[in-house]
Amino acid sequence: MSEESFSLEVLTDFFNAVEAGITAARQRIKEKQNLEPETDFSRLPWEQKQGEKGPFEQTSEKATQNNDLWKALKVKVKGNQGFWQHGGFKYWFDMQNETVIDRRKIA
């Protein structure tokens, strides 16, 4: 085997290993995306409210019966220091009460 063919074989093995690594990474990303909870928070029951800064909507642990979608929203808001923006809305805990979440459309 010549030095050139040996080099090509090593390079081919390297590219195959890189390709396998990329394929594995893509699979892990796909699995991770499938594990993300549903994020269509408009499916929660929202009550219209009027505040000093204008209209907003409110939902609660009680109104949602503490369902999985409520829990996912609570995790997102809590993980962002009590304020979170998603899907054209701002979300926050009502008066630092983690059993009530308010939201307002982003202007």
PDB file of N, CA and C in Angstrom:
ATOM      1  N   MET A   1       0.847  -1.154   0.000  1.00  0.00           N
ATOM      2  CA  MET A   1       0.000   0.000   0.000  1.00  0.00           C
ATOM      3  C   MET A   1       0.902   1.230   0.000  1.00  0.00           C
ATOM      4  N   SER A   2       0.572   2.116  -0.934  1.00  0.00           N
ATOM      5  CA  SER A   2       1.396   3.317  -1.034  1.00  0.00           C
ATOM      6  C   SER A   2       1.006   4.317   0.066  1.00  0.00           C
ATOM      7  N   GLU A   3       1.895   5.255   0.268  1.00  0.00           N
ATOM      8  CA  GLU A   3       1.650   6.271   1.285  1.00  0.00           C
ATOM      9  C   GLU A   3       0.414   7.089   0.948  1.00  0.00           C
ATOM     10  N   GLU A   4       0.205   7.345  -0.329  1.00  0.00           N
ATOM     11  CA  GLU A   4      -0.951   8.135  -0.763  1.00  0.00           C
ATOM     12  C   GLU A   4      -2.263   7.390  -0.494  1.00  0.00           C
ATOM     13  N   SER A   5      -2.323   6.095  -0.830  1.00  0.00           N
ATOM     14  CA  SER A   5      -3.561   5.348  -0.610  1.00  0.00           C
ATOM     15  C   SER A   5      -3.822   5.171   0.893  1.00  0.00           C
ATOM     16  N   PHE A   6      -2.747   5.018   1.687  1.00  0.00           N
ATOM     17  CA  PHE A   6      -2.908   4.933   3.131  1.00  0.00           C
ATOM     18  C   PHE A   6      -3.492   6.237   3.681  1.00  0.00           C
ATOM     19  N   SER A   7      -3.002   7.371   3.194  1.00  0.00           N
ATOM     20  CA  SER A   7      -3.502   8.676   3.621  1.00  0.00           C
ATOM     21  C   SER A   7      -4.973   8.846   3.252  1.00  0.00           C
ATOM     22  N   LEU A   8      -5.341   8.396   2.060  1.00  0.00           N
ATOM     23  CA  LEU A   8      -6.736   8.493   1.631  1.00  0.00           C
ATOM     24  C   LEU A   8      -7.633   7.600   2.484  1.00  0.00           C
ATOM     25  N   GLU A   9      -7.135   6.433   2.848  1.00  0.00           N
ATOM     26  CA  GLU A   9      -7.906   5.524   3.691  1.00  0.00           C
ATOM     27  C   GLU A   9      -8.119   6.128   5.084  1.00  0.00           C
ATOM     28  N   VAL A  10      -7.083   6.704   5.650  1.00  0.00           N
ATOM     29  CA  VAL A  10      -7.190   7.346   6.961  1.00  0.00           C
ATOM     30  C   VAL A  10      -8.161   8.529   6.893  1.00  0.00           C
ATOM     31  N   LEU A  11      -8.054   9.310   5.833  1.00  0.00           N
ATOM     32  CA  LEU A  11      -8.941  10.458   5.666  1.00  0.00           C
ATOM     33  C   LEU A  11     -10.396  10.007   5.503  1.00  0.00           C
ATOM     34  N   THR A  12     -10.627   8.945   4.755  1.00  0.00           N
ATOM     35  CA  THR A  12     -11.976   8.392   4.584  1.00  0.00           C
ATOM     36  C   THR A  12     -12.530   7.897   5.915  1.00  0.00           C
ATOM     37  N   ASP A  13     -11.706   7.211   6.703  1.00  0.00           N
ATOM     38  CA  ASP A  13     -12.136   6.755   8.028  1.00  0.00           C
ATOM     39  C   ASP A  13     -12.510   7.943   8.914  1.00  0.00           C
ATOM     40  N   PHE A  14     -11.713   8.990   8.836  1.00  0.00           N
ATOM     41  CA  PHE A  14     -11.998  10.192   9.617  1.00  0.00           C
ATOM     42  C   PHE A  14     -13.339  10.801   9.224  1.00  0.00           C
ATOM     43  N   PHE A  15     -13.586  10.938   7.914  1.00  0.00           N
ATOM     44  CA  PHE A  15     -14.844  11.507   7.443  1.00  0.00           C
ATOM     45  C   PHE A  15     -16.039  10.639   7.839  1.00  0.00           C
ATOM     46  N   ASN A  16     -15.874   9.340   7.810  1.00  0.00           N
ATOM     47  CA  ASN A  16     -16.947   8.434   8.232  1.00  0.00           C
ATOM     48  C   ASN A  16     -17.249   8.622   9.717  1.00  0.00           C
ATOM     49  N   ALA A  17     -16.225   8.789  10.517  1.00  0.00           N
ATOM     50  CA  ALA A  17     -16.418   9.004  11.948  1.00  0.00           C
ATOM     51  C   ALA A  17     -17.118  10.339  12.204  1.00  0.00           C
ATOM     52  N   VAL A  18     -16.722  11.380  11.483  1.00  0.00           N
ATOM     53  CA  VAL A  18     -17.360  12.689  11.622  1.00  0.00           C
ATOM     54  C   VAL A  18     -18.831  12.591  11.217  1.00  0.00           C
ATOM     55  N   GLU A  19     -19.105  11.908  10.119  1.00  0.00           N
ATOM     56  CA  GLU A  19     -20.479  11.737   9.658  1.00  0.00           C
ATOM     57  C   GLU A  19     -21.322  10.992  10.696  1.00  0.00           C
ATOM     58  N   ALA A  20     -20.769   9.960  11.300  1.00  0.00           N
ATOM     59  CA  ALA A  20     -21.488   9.205  12.334  1.00  0.00           C
ATOM     60  C   ALA A  20     -21.770  10.092  13.542  1.00  0.00           C
ATOM     61  N   GLY A  21     -20.811  10.920  13.901  1.00  0.00           N
ATOM     62  CA  GLY A  21     -20.995  11.840  15.020  1.00  0.00           C
ATOM     63  C   GLY A  21     -22.085  12.865  14.735  1.00  0.00           C
ATOM     64  N   ILE A  22     -22.108  13.389  13.529  1.00  0.00           N
ATOM     65  CA  ILE A  22     -23.136  14.360  13.145  1.00  0.00           C
ATOM     66  C   ILE A  22     -24.513  13.702  13.163  1.00  0.00           C
ATOM     67  N   THR A  23     -24.605  12.481  12.641  1.00  0.00           N
ATOM     68  CA  THR A  23     -25.874  11.756  12.633  1.00  0.00           C
ATOM     69  C   THR A  23     -26.369  11.524  14.059  1.00  0.00           C
ATOM     70  N   ALA A  24     -25.480  11.132  14.952  1.00  0.00           N
ATOM     71  CA  ALA A  24     -25.853  10.912  16.346  1.00  0.00           C
ATOM     72  C   ALA A  24     -26.302  12.216  17.004  1.00  0.00           C
ATOM     73  N   ALA A  25     -25.618  13.306  16.725  1.00  0.00           N
ATOM     74  CA  ALA A  25     -25.981  14.608  17.294  1.00  0.00           C
ATOM     75  C   ALA A  25     -27.354  15.046  16.797  1.00  0.00           C
ATOM     76  N   ARG A  26     -27.626  14.859  15.517  1.00  0.00           N
ATOM     77  CA  ARG A  26     -28.937  15.213  14.967  1.00  0.00           C
ATOM     78  C   ARG A  26     -30.041  14.406  15.642  1.00  0.00           C
ATOM     79  N   GLN A  27     -29.783  13.129  15.880  1.00  0.00           N
ATOM     80  CA  GLN A  27     -30.767  12.270  16.532  1.00  0.00           C
ATOM     81  C   GLN A  27     -31.036  12.745  17.954  1.00  0.00           C
ATOM     82  N   ARG A  28     -29.994  13.124  18.676  1.00  0.00           N
ATOM     83  CA  ARG A  28     -30.177  13.618  20.044  1.00  0.00           C
ATOM     84  C   ARG A  28     -30.974  14.916  20.067  1.00  0.00           C
ATOM     85  N   ILE A  29     -30.702  15.792  19.108  1.00  0.00           N
ATOM     86  CA  ILE A  29     -31.445  17.052  19.014  1.00  0.00           C
ATOM     87  C   ILE A  29     -32.916  16.763  18.733  1.00  0.00           C
ATOM     88  N   LYS A  30     -33.172  15.855  17.819  1.00  0.00           N
ATOM     89  CA  LYS A  30     -34.549  15.495  17.477  1.00  0.00           C
ATOM     90  C   LYS A  30     -35.269  14.914  18.694  1.00  0.00           C
ATOM     91  N   GLU A  31     -34.612  14.051  19.446  1.00  0.00           N
ATOM     92  CA  GLU A  31     -35.206  13.470  20.647  1.00  0.00           C
ATOM     93  C   GLU A  31     -35.492  14.554  21.681  1.00  0.00           C
ATOM     94  N   LYS A  32     -34.568  15.489  21.829  1.00  0.00           N
ATOM     95  CA  LYS A  32     -34.738  16.585  22.790  1.00  0.00           C
ATOM     96  C   LYS A  32     -35.944  17.437  22.416  1.00  0.00           C
ATOM     97  N   GLN A  33     -36.112  17.728  21.136  1.00  0.00           N
ATOM     98  CA  GLN A  33     -37.246  18.525  20.690  1.00  0.00           C
ATOM     99  C   GLN A  33     -38.557  17.808  20.978  1.00  0.00           C
ATOM    100  N   ASN A  34     -38.579  16.503  20.838  1.00  0.00           N
ATOM    101  CA  ASN A  34     -39.787  15.734  21.095  1.00  0.00           C
ATOM    102  C   ASN A  34     -40.122  15.682  22.583  1.00  0.00           C
ATOM    103  N   LEU A  35     -39.142  15.938  23.447  1.00  0.00           N
ATOM    104  CA  LEU A  35     -39.369  15.917  24.887  1.00  0.00           C
ATOM    105  C   LEU A  35     -39.886  17.249  25.418  1.00  0.00           C
ATOM    106  N   GLU A  36     -39.759  18.305  24.617  1.00  0.00           N
ATOM    107  CA  GLU A  36     -40.233  19.611  25.053  1.00  0.00           C
ATOM    108  C   GLU A  36     -41.739  19.555  25.271  1.00  0.00           C
ATOM    109  N   PRO A  37     -42.221  20.092  26.364  1.00  0.00           N
ATOM    110  CA  PRO A  37     -43.665  20.087  26.593  1.00  0.00           C
ATOM    111  C   PRO A  37     -44.382  20.993  25.593  1.00  0.00           C
ATOM    112  N   GLU A  38     -45.652  20.762  25.426  1.00  0.00           N
ATOM    113  CA  GLU A  38     -46.468  21.576  24.543  1.00  0.00           C
ATOM    114  C   GLU A  38     -46.398  23.023  25.019  1.00  0.00           C
ATOM    115  N   THR A  39     -46.352  23.949  24.073  1.00  0.00           N
ATOM    116  CA  THR A  39     -46.219  25.352  24.465  1.00  0.00           C
ATOM    117  C   THR A  39     -47.317  26.230  23.857  1.00  0.00           C
ATOM    118  N   ASP A  40     -48.465  25.661  23.532  1.00  0.00           N
ATOM    119  CA  ASP A  40     -49.594  26.453  23.054  1.00  0.00           C
ATOM    120  C   ASP A  40     -50.403  26.889  24.269  1.00  0.00           C
ATOM    121  N   PHE A  41     -49.890  27.921  24.932  1.00  0.00           N
ATOM    122  CA  PHE A  41     -50.485  28.347  26.190  1.00  0.00           C
ATOM    123  C   PHE A  41     -51.834  29.036  25.998  1.00  0.00           C
ATOM    124  N   SER A  42     -52.236  29.307  24.755  1.00  0.00           N
ATOM    125  CA  SER A  42     -53.559  29.875  24.513  1.00  0.00           C
ATOM    126  C   SER A  42     -54.648  28.854  24.837  1.00  0.00           C
ATOM    127  N   ARG A  43     -54.278  27.585  24.961  1.00  0.00           N
ATOM    128  CA  ARG A  43     -55.235  26.537  25.316  1.00  0.00           C
ATOM    129  C   ARG A  43     -55.604  26.554  26.798  1.00  0.00           C
ATOM    130  N   LEU A  44     -54.872  27.305  27.589  1.00  0.00           N
ATOM    131  CA  LEU A  44     -55.218  27.452  29.011  1.00  0.00           C
ATOM    132  C   LEU A  44     -56.422  28.395  29.135  1.00  0.00           C
ATOM    133  N   PRO A  45     -57.201  28.253  30.192  1.00  0.00           N
ATOM    134  CA  PRO A  45     -58.311  29.190  30.402  1.00  0.00           C
ATOM    135  C   PRO A  45     -57.792  30.546  30.886  1.00  0.00           C
ATOM    136  N   TRP A  46     -57.972  31.578  30.078  1.00  0.00           N
ATOM    137  CA  TRP A  46     -57.498  32.924  30.425  1.00  0.00           C
ATOM    138  C   TRP A  46     -58.701  33.815  30.691  1.00  0.00           C
ATOM    139  N   GLU A  47     -58.666  34.521  31.814  1.00  0.00           N
ATOM    140  CA  GLU A  47     -59.725  35.449  32.196  1.00  0.00           C
ATOM    141  C   GLU A  47     -59.268  36.873  31.889  1.00  0.00           C
ATOM    142  N   GLN A  48     -60.128  37.665  31.248  1.00  0.00           N
ATOM    143  CA  GLN A  48     -59.804  39.049  30.927  1.00  0.00           C
ATOM    144  C   GLN A  48     -59.814  39.890  32.209  1.00  0.00           C
ATOM    145  N   LYS A  49     -58.801  40.727  32.356  1.00  0.00           N
ATOM    146  CA  LYS A  49     -58.679  41.619  33.518  1.00  0.00           C
ATOM    147  C   LYS A  49     -58.319  43.015  33.032  1.00  0.00           C
ATOM    148  N   GLN A  50     -58.526  44.008  33.883  1.00  0.00           N
ATOM    149  CA  GLN A  50     -58.141  45.381  33.573  1.00  0.00           C
ATOM    150  C   GLN A  50     -57.201  45.870  34.669  1.00  0.00           C
ATOM    151  N   GLY A  51     -56.024  46.341  34.279  1.00  0.00           N
ATOM    152  CA  GLY A  51     -55.049  46.840  35.238  1.00  0.00           C
ATOM    153  C   GLY A  51     -54.708  48.294  34.973  1.00  0.00           C
ATOM    154  N   GLU A  52     -53.814  48.843  35.768  1.00  0.00           N
ATOM    155  CA  GLU A  52     -53.390  50.234  35.602  1.00  0.00           C
ATOM    156  C   GLU A  52     -52.758  50.477  34.237  1.00  0.00           C
ATOM    157  N   LYS A  53     -52.077  49.469  33.713  1.00  0.00           N
ATOM    158  CA  LYS A  53     -51.408  49.600  32.416  1.00  0.00           C
ATOM    159  C   LYS A  53     -52.283  49.114  31.258  1.00  0.00           C
ATOM    160  N   GLY A  54     -53.530  48.771  31.548  1.00  0.00           N
ATOM    161  CA  GLY A  54     -54.434  48.338  30.492  1.00  0.00           C
ATOM    162  C   GLY A  54     -54.863  46.896  30.676  1.00  0.00           C
ATOM    163  N   PRO A  55     -55.526  46.359  29.649  1.00  0.00           N
ATOM    164  CA  PRO A  55     -56.059  44.999  29.762  1.00  0.00           C
ATOM    165  C   PRO A  55     -54.952  43.942  29.762  1.00  0.00           C
ATOM    166  N   PHE A  56     -55.232  42.851  30.468  1.00  0.00           N
ATOM    167  CA  PHE A  56     -54.340  41.700  30.474  1.00  0.00           C
ATOM    168  C   PHE A  56     -55.191  40.469  30.738  1.00  0.00           C
ATOM    169  N   GLU A  57     -54.579  39.313  30.670  1.00  0.00           N
ATOM    170  CA  GLU A  57     -55.280  38.059  30.919  1.00  0.00           C
ATOM    171  C   GLU A  57     -54.636  37.354  32.102  1.00  0.00           C
ATOM    172  N   GLN A  58     -55.421  36.515  32.764  1.00  0.00           N
ATOM    173  CA  GLN A  58     -54.922  35.831  33.955  1.00  0.00           C
ATOM    174  C   GLN A  58     -55.422  34.391  33.977  1.00  0.00           C
ATOM    175  N   THR A  59     -54.543  33.497  34.396  1.00  0.00           N
ATOM    176  CA  THR A  59     -54.917  32.111  34.637  1.00  0.00           C
ATOM    177  C   THR A  59     -54.286  31.677  35.952  1.00  0.00           C
ATOM    178  N   SER A  60     -54.719  30.524  36.439  1.00  0.00           N
ATOM    179  CA  SER A  60     -54.209  30.096  37.740  1.00  0.00           C
ATOM    180  C   SER A  60     -54.127  28.584  37.819  1.00  0.00           C
ATOM    181  N   GLU A  61     -53.426  28.155  38.836  1.00  0.00           N
ATOM    182  CA  GLU A  61     -53.308  26.725  39.109  1.00  0.00           C
ATOM    183  C   GLU A  61     -54.707  26.113  39.294  1.00  0.00           C
ATOM    184  N   LYS A  62     -55.573  26.833  39.996  1.00  0.00           N
ATOM    185  CA  LYS A  62     -56.928  26.352  40.251  1.00  0.00           C
ATOM    186  C   LYS A  62     -57.749  26.286  38.957  1.00  0.00           C
ATOM    187  N   ALA A  63     -57.688  27.345  38.142  1.00  0.00           N
ATOM    188  CA  ALA A  63     -58.472  27.405  36.905  1.00  0.00           C
ATOM    189  C   ALA A  63     -58.048  26.327  35.905  1.00  0.00           C
ATOM    190  N   THR A  64     -56.767  25.964  35.934  1.00  0.00           N
ATOM    191  CA  THR A  64     -56.241  24.967  34.992  1.00  0.00           C
ATOM    192  C   THR A  64     -56.258  23.558  35.578  1.00  0.00           C
ATOM    193  N   GLN A  65     -56.682  23.449  36.824  1.00  0.00           N
ATOM    194  CA  GLN A  65     -56.671  22.179  37.544  1.00  0.00           C
ATOM    195  C   GLN A  65     -55.263  21.592  37.596  1.00  0.00           C
ATOM    196  N   ASN A  66     -54.292  22.502  37.645  1.00  0.00           N
ATOM    197  CA  ASN A  66     -52.875  22.133  37.751  1.00  0.00           C
ATOM    198  C   ASN A  66     -52.456  21.138  36.666  1.00  0.00           C
ATOM    199  N   ASN A  67     -52.941  21.345  35.436  1.00  0.00           N
ATOM    200  CA  ASN A  67     -52.632  20.404  34.350  1.00  0.00           C
ATOM    201  C   ASN A  67     -51.188  20.559  33.850  1.00  0.00           C
ATOM    202  N   ASP A  68     -50.787  19.678  32.954  1.00  0.00           N
ATOM    203  CA  ASP A  68     -49.397  19.666  32.470  1.00  0.00           C
ATOM    204  C   ASP A  68     -49.022  20.951  31.742  1.00  0.00           C
ATOM    205  N   LEU A  69     -49.955  21.523  30.987  1.00  0.00           N
ATOM    206  CA  LEU A  69     -49.665  22.759  30.265  1.00  0.00           C
ATOM    207  C   LEU A  69     -49.425  23.905  31.253  1.00  0.00           C
ATOM    208  N   TRP A  70     -50.217  23.973  32.316  1.00  0.00           N
ATOM    209  CA  TRP A  70     -50.000  24.968  33.383  1.00  0.00           C
ATOM    210  C   TRP A  70     -48.620  24.777  33.998  1.00  0.00           C
ATOM    211  N   LYS A  71     -48.292  23.531  34.309  1.00  0.00           N
ATOM    212  CA  LYS A  71     -46.992  23.249  34.930  1.00  0.00           C
ATOM    213  C   LYS A  71     -45.852  23.665  34.028  1.00  0.00           C
ATOM    214  N   ALA A  72     -45.985  23.422  32.702  1.00  0.00           N
ATOM    215  CA  ALA A  72     -44.937  23.818  31.744  1.00  0.00           C
ATOM    216  C   ALA A  72     -44.784  25.333  31.716  1.00  0.00           C
ATOM    217  N   LEU A  73     -45.904  26.054  31.724  1.00  0.00           N
ATOM    218  CA  LEU A  73     -45.838  27.525  31.734  1.00  0.00           C
ATOM    219  C   LEU A  73     -45.193  28.030  33.024  1.00  0.00           C
ATOM    220  N   LYS A  74     -45.565  27.447  34.137  1.00  0.00           N
ATOM    221  CA  LYS A  74     -45.009  27.867  35.427  1.00  0.00           C
ATOM    222  C   LYS A  74     -43.493  27.663  35.457  1.00  0.00           C
ATOM    223  N   VAL A  75     -43.021  26.541  34.917  1.00  0.00           N
ATOM    224  CA  VAL A  75     -41.580  26.266  34.856  1.00  0.00           C
ATOM    225  C   VAL A  75     -40.880  27.321  34.004  1.00  0.00           C
ATOM    226  N   LYS A  76     -41.484  27.673  32.862  1.00  0.00           N
ATOM    227  CA  LYS A  76     -40.868  28.669  31.971  1.00  0.00           C
ATOM    228  C   LYS A  76     -40.778  30.032  32.660  1.00  0.00           C
ATOM    229  N   VAL A  77     -41.865  30.452  33.288  1.00  0.00           N
ATOM    230  CA  VAL A  77     -41.863  31.769  33.946  1.00  0.00           C
ATOM    231  C   VAL A  77     -40.886  31.770  35.121  1.00  0.00           C
ATOM    232  N   LYS A  78     -40.933  30.735  35.927  1.00  0.00           N
ATOM    233  CA  LYS A  78     -40.048  30.657  37.089  1.00  0.00           C
ATOM    234  C   LYS A  78     -38.572  30.594  36.654  1.00  0.00           C
ATOM    235  N   GLY A  79     -38.301  29.889  35.573  1.00  0.00           N
ATOM    236  CA  GLY A  79     -36.931  29.763  35.069  1.00  0.00           C
ATOM    237  C   GLY A  79     -36.378  31.042  34.468  1.00  0.00           C
ATOM    238  N   ASN A  80     -37.245  32.032  34.289  1.00  0.00           N
ATOM    239  CA  ASN A  80     -36.825  33.325  33.749  1.00  0.00           C
ATOM    240  C   ASN A  80     -37.067  34.451  34.756  1.00  0.00           C
ATOM    241  N   GLN A  81     -36.821  34.173  36.022  1.00  0.00           N
ATOM    242  CA  GLN A  81     -36.932  35.127  37.117  1.00  0.00           C
ATOM    243  C   GLN A  81     -38.306  35.788  37.197  1.00  0.00           C
ATOM    244  N   GLY A  82     -39.356  35.053  36.842  1.00  0.00           N
ATOM    245  CA  GLY A  82     -40.716  35.549  37.010  1.00  0.00           C
ATOM    246  C   GLY A  82     -41.275  36.346  35.852  1.00  0.00           C
ATOM    247  N   PHE A  83     -40.487  36.557  34.798  1.00  0.00           N
ATOM    248  CA  PHE A  83     -40.957  37.272  33.608  1.00  0.00           C
ATOM    249  C   PHE A  83     -40.463  36.526  32.371  1.00  0.00           C
ATOM    250  N   TRP A  84     -41.375  36.279  31.398  1.00  0.00           N
ATOM    251  CA  TRP A  84     -41.001  35.501  30.219  1.00  0.00           C
ATOM    252  C   TRP A  84     -41.804  35.982  29.031  1.00  0.00           C
ATOM    253  N   GLN A  85     -41.158  36.040  27.857  1.00  0.00           N
ATOM    254  CA  GLN A  85     -41.838  36.400  26.615  1.00  0.00           C
ATOM    255  C   GLN A  85     -41.848  35.202  25.687  1.00  0.00           C
ATOM    256  N   HIS A  86     -43.030  34.930  25.115  1.00  0.00           N
ATOM    257  CA  HIS A  86     -43.167  33.781  24.212  1.00  0.00           C
ATOM    258  C   HIS A  86     -44.434  33.951  23.377  1.00  0.00           C
ATOM    259  N   GLY A  87     -44.338  33.653  22.096  1.00  0.00           N
ATOM    260  CA  GLY A  87     -45.504  33.636  21.221  1.00  0.00           C
ATOM    261  C   GLY A  87     -46.291  34.932  21.182  1.00  0.00           C
ATOM    262  N   GLY A  88     -45.605  36.056  21.286  1.00  0.00           N
ATOM    263  CA  GLY A  88     -46.271  37.353  21.209  1.00  0.00           C
ATOM    264  C   GLY A  88     -46.863  37.840  22.525  1.00  0.00           C
ATOM    265  N   PHE A  89     -46.535  37.159  23.634  1.00  0.00           N
ATOM    266  CA  PHE A  89     -47.051  37.549  24.944  1.00  0.00           C
ATOM    267  C   PHE A  89     -45.924  37.700  25.950  1.00  0.00           C
ATOM    268  N   LYS A  90     -46.160  38.577  26.949  1.00  0.00           N
ATOM    269  CA  LYS A  90     -45.320  38.665  28.144  1.00  0.00           C
ATOM    270  C   LYS A  90     -46.062  37.909  29.239  1.00  0.00           C
ATOM    271  N   TYR A  91     -45.360  37.083  29.973  1.00  0.00           N
ATOM    272  CA  TYR A  91     -45.947  36.320  31.073  1.00  0.00           C
ATOM    273  C   TYR A  91     -45.235  36.699  32.364  1.00  0.00           C
ATOM    274  N   TRP A  92     -45.977  36.757  33.474  1.00  0.00           N
ATOM    275  CA  TRP A  92     -45.371  37.041  34.765  1.00  0.00           C
ATOM    276  C   TRP A  92     -46.265  36.487  35.870  1.00  0.00           C
ATOM    277  N   PHE A  93     -45.647  36.272  37.036  1.00  0.00           N
ATOM    278  CA  PHE A  93     -46.413  35.851  38.203  1.00  0.00           C
ATOM    279  C   PHE A  93     -47.169  37.055  38.740  1.00  0.00           C
ATOM    280  N   ASP A  94     -48.441  36.867  39.096  1.00  0.00           N
ATOM    281  CA  ASP A  94     -49.272  37.932  39.626  1.00  0.00           C
ATOM    282  C   ASP A  94     -48.858  38.248  41.058  1.00  0.00           C
ATOM    283  N   MET A  95     -48.364  39.443  41.290  1.00  0.00           N
ATOM    284  CA  MET A  95     -47.975  39.901  42.633  1.00  0.00           C
ATOM    285  C   MET A  95     -47.070  38.888  43.340  1.00  0.00           C
ATOM    286  N   GLN A  96     -46.149  38.311  42.600  1.00  0.00           N
ATOM    287  CA  GLN A  96     -45.194  37.323  43.129  1.00  0.00           C
ATOM    288  C   GLN A  96     -45.880  36.050  43.632  1.00  0.00           C
ATOM    289  N   ASN A  97     -47.127  35.837  43.250  1.00  0.00           N
ATOM    290  CA  ASN A  97     -47.877  34.648  43.629  1.00  0.00           C
ATOM    291  C   ASN A  97     -47.705  33.605  42.524  1.00  0.00           C
ATOM    292  N   GLU A  98     -46.990  32.543  42.805  1.00  0.00           N
ATOM    293  CA  GLU A  98     -46.677  31.552  41.776  1.00  0.00           C
ATOM    294  C   GLU A  98     -47.842  30.627  41.432  1.00  0.00           C
ATOM    295  N   THR A  99     -49.006  30.854  42.007  1.00  0.00           N
ATOM    296  CA  THR A  99     -50.177  30.058  41.632  1.00  0.00           C
ATOM    297  C   THR A  99     -51.070  30.819  40.652  1.00  0.00           C
ATOM    298  N   VAL A 100     -50.665  32.058  40.297  1.00  0.00           N
ATOM    299  CA  VAL A 100     -51.416  32.877  39.345  1.00  0.00           C
ATOM    300  C   VAL A 100     -50.425  33.476  38.351  1.00  0.00           C
ATOM    301  N   ILE A 101     -50.743  33.350  37.058  1.00  0.00           N
ATOM    302  CA  ILE A 101     -49.886  33.917  36.012  1.00  0.00           C
ATOM    303  C   ILE A 101     -50.722  34.863  35.164  1.00  0.00           C
ATOM    304  N   ASP A 102     -50.159  36.039  34.904  1.00  0.00           N
ATOM    305  CA  ASP A 102     -50.777  37.040  34.042  1.00  0.00           C
ATOM    306  C   ASP A 102     -50.042  37.066  32.719  1.00  0.00           C
ATOM    307  N   ARG A 103     -50.740  37.553  31.690  1.00  0.00           N
ATOM    308  CA  ARG A 103     -50.069  37.739  30.396  1.00  0.00           C
ATOM    309  C   ARG A 103     -50.689  38.930  29.678  1.00  0.00           C
ATOM    310  N   ARG A 104     -49.857  39.548  28.839  1.00  0.00           N
ATOM    311  CA  ARG A 104     -50.290  40.684  28.034  1.00  0.00           C
ATOM    312  C   ARG A 104     -49.614  40.563  26.668  1.00  0.00           C
ATOM    313  N   LYS A 105     -50.354  40.928  25.631  1.00  0.00           N
ATOM    314  CA  LYS A 105     -49.776  40.920  24.286  1.00  0.00           C
ATOM    315  C   LYS A 105     -48.630  41.904  24.218  1.00  0.00           C
ATOM    316  N   ILE A 106     -47.582  41.508  23.527  1.00  0.00           N
ATOM    317  CA  ILE A 106     -46.449  42.401  23.321  1.00  0.00           C
ATOM    318  C   ILE A 106     -46.845  43.424  22.268  1.00  0.00           C
ATOM    319  N   ALA A 107     -46.678  44.690  22.594  1.00  0.00           N
ATOM    320  CA  ALA A 107     -47.092  45.775  21.678  1.00  0.00           C
ATOM    321  C   ALA A 107     -46.164  45.899  20.502  1.00  0.00           C
TER     322      ALA A 107
END
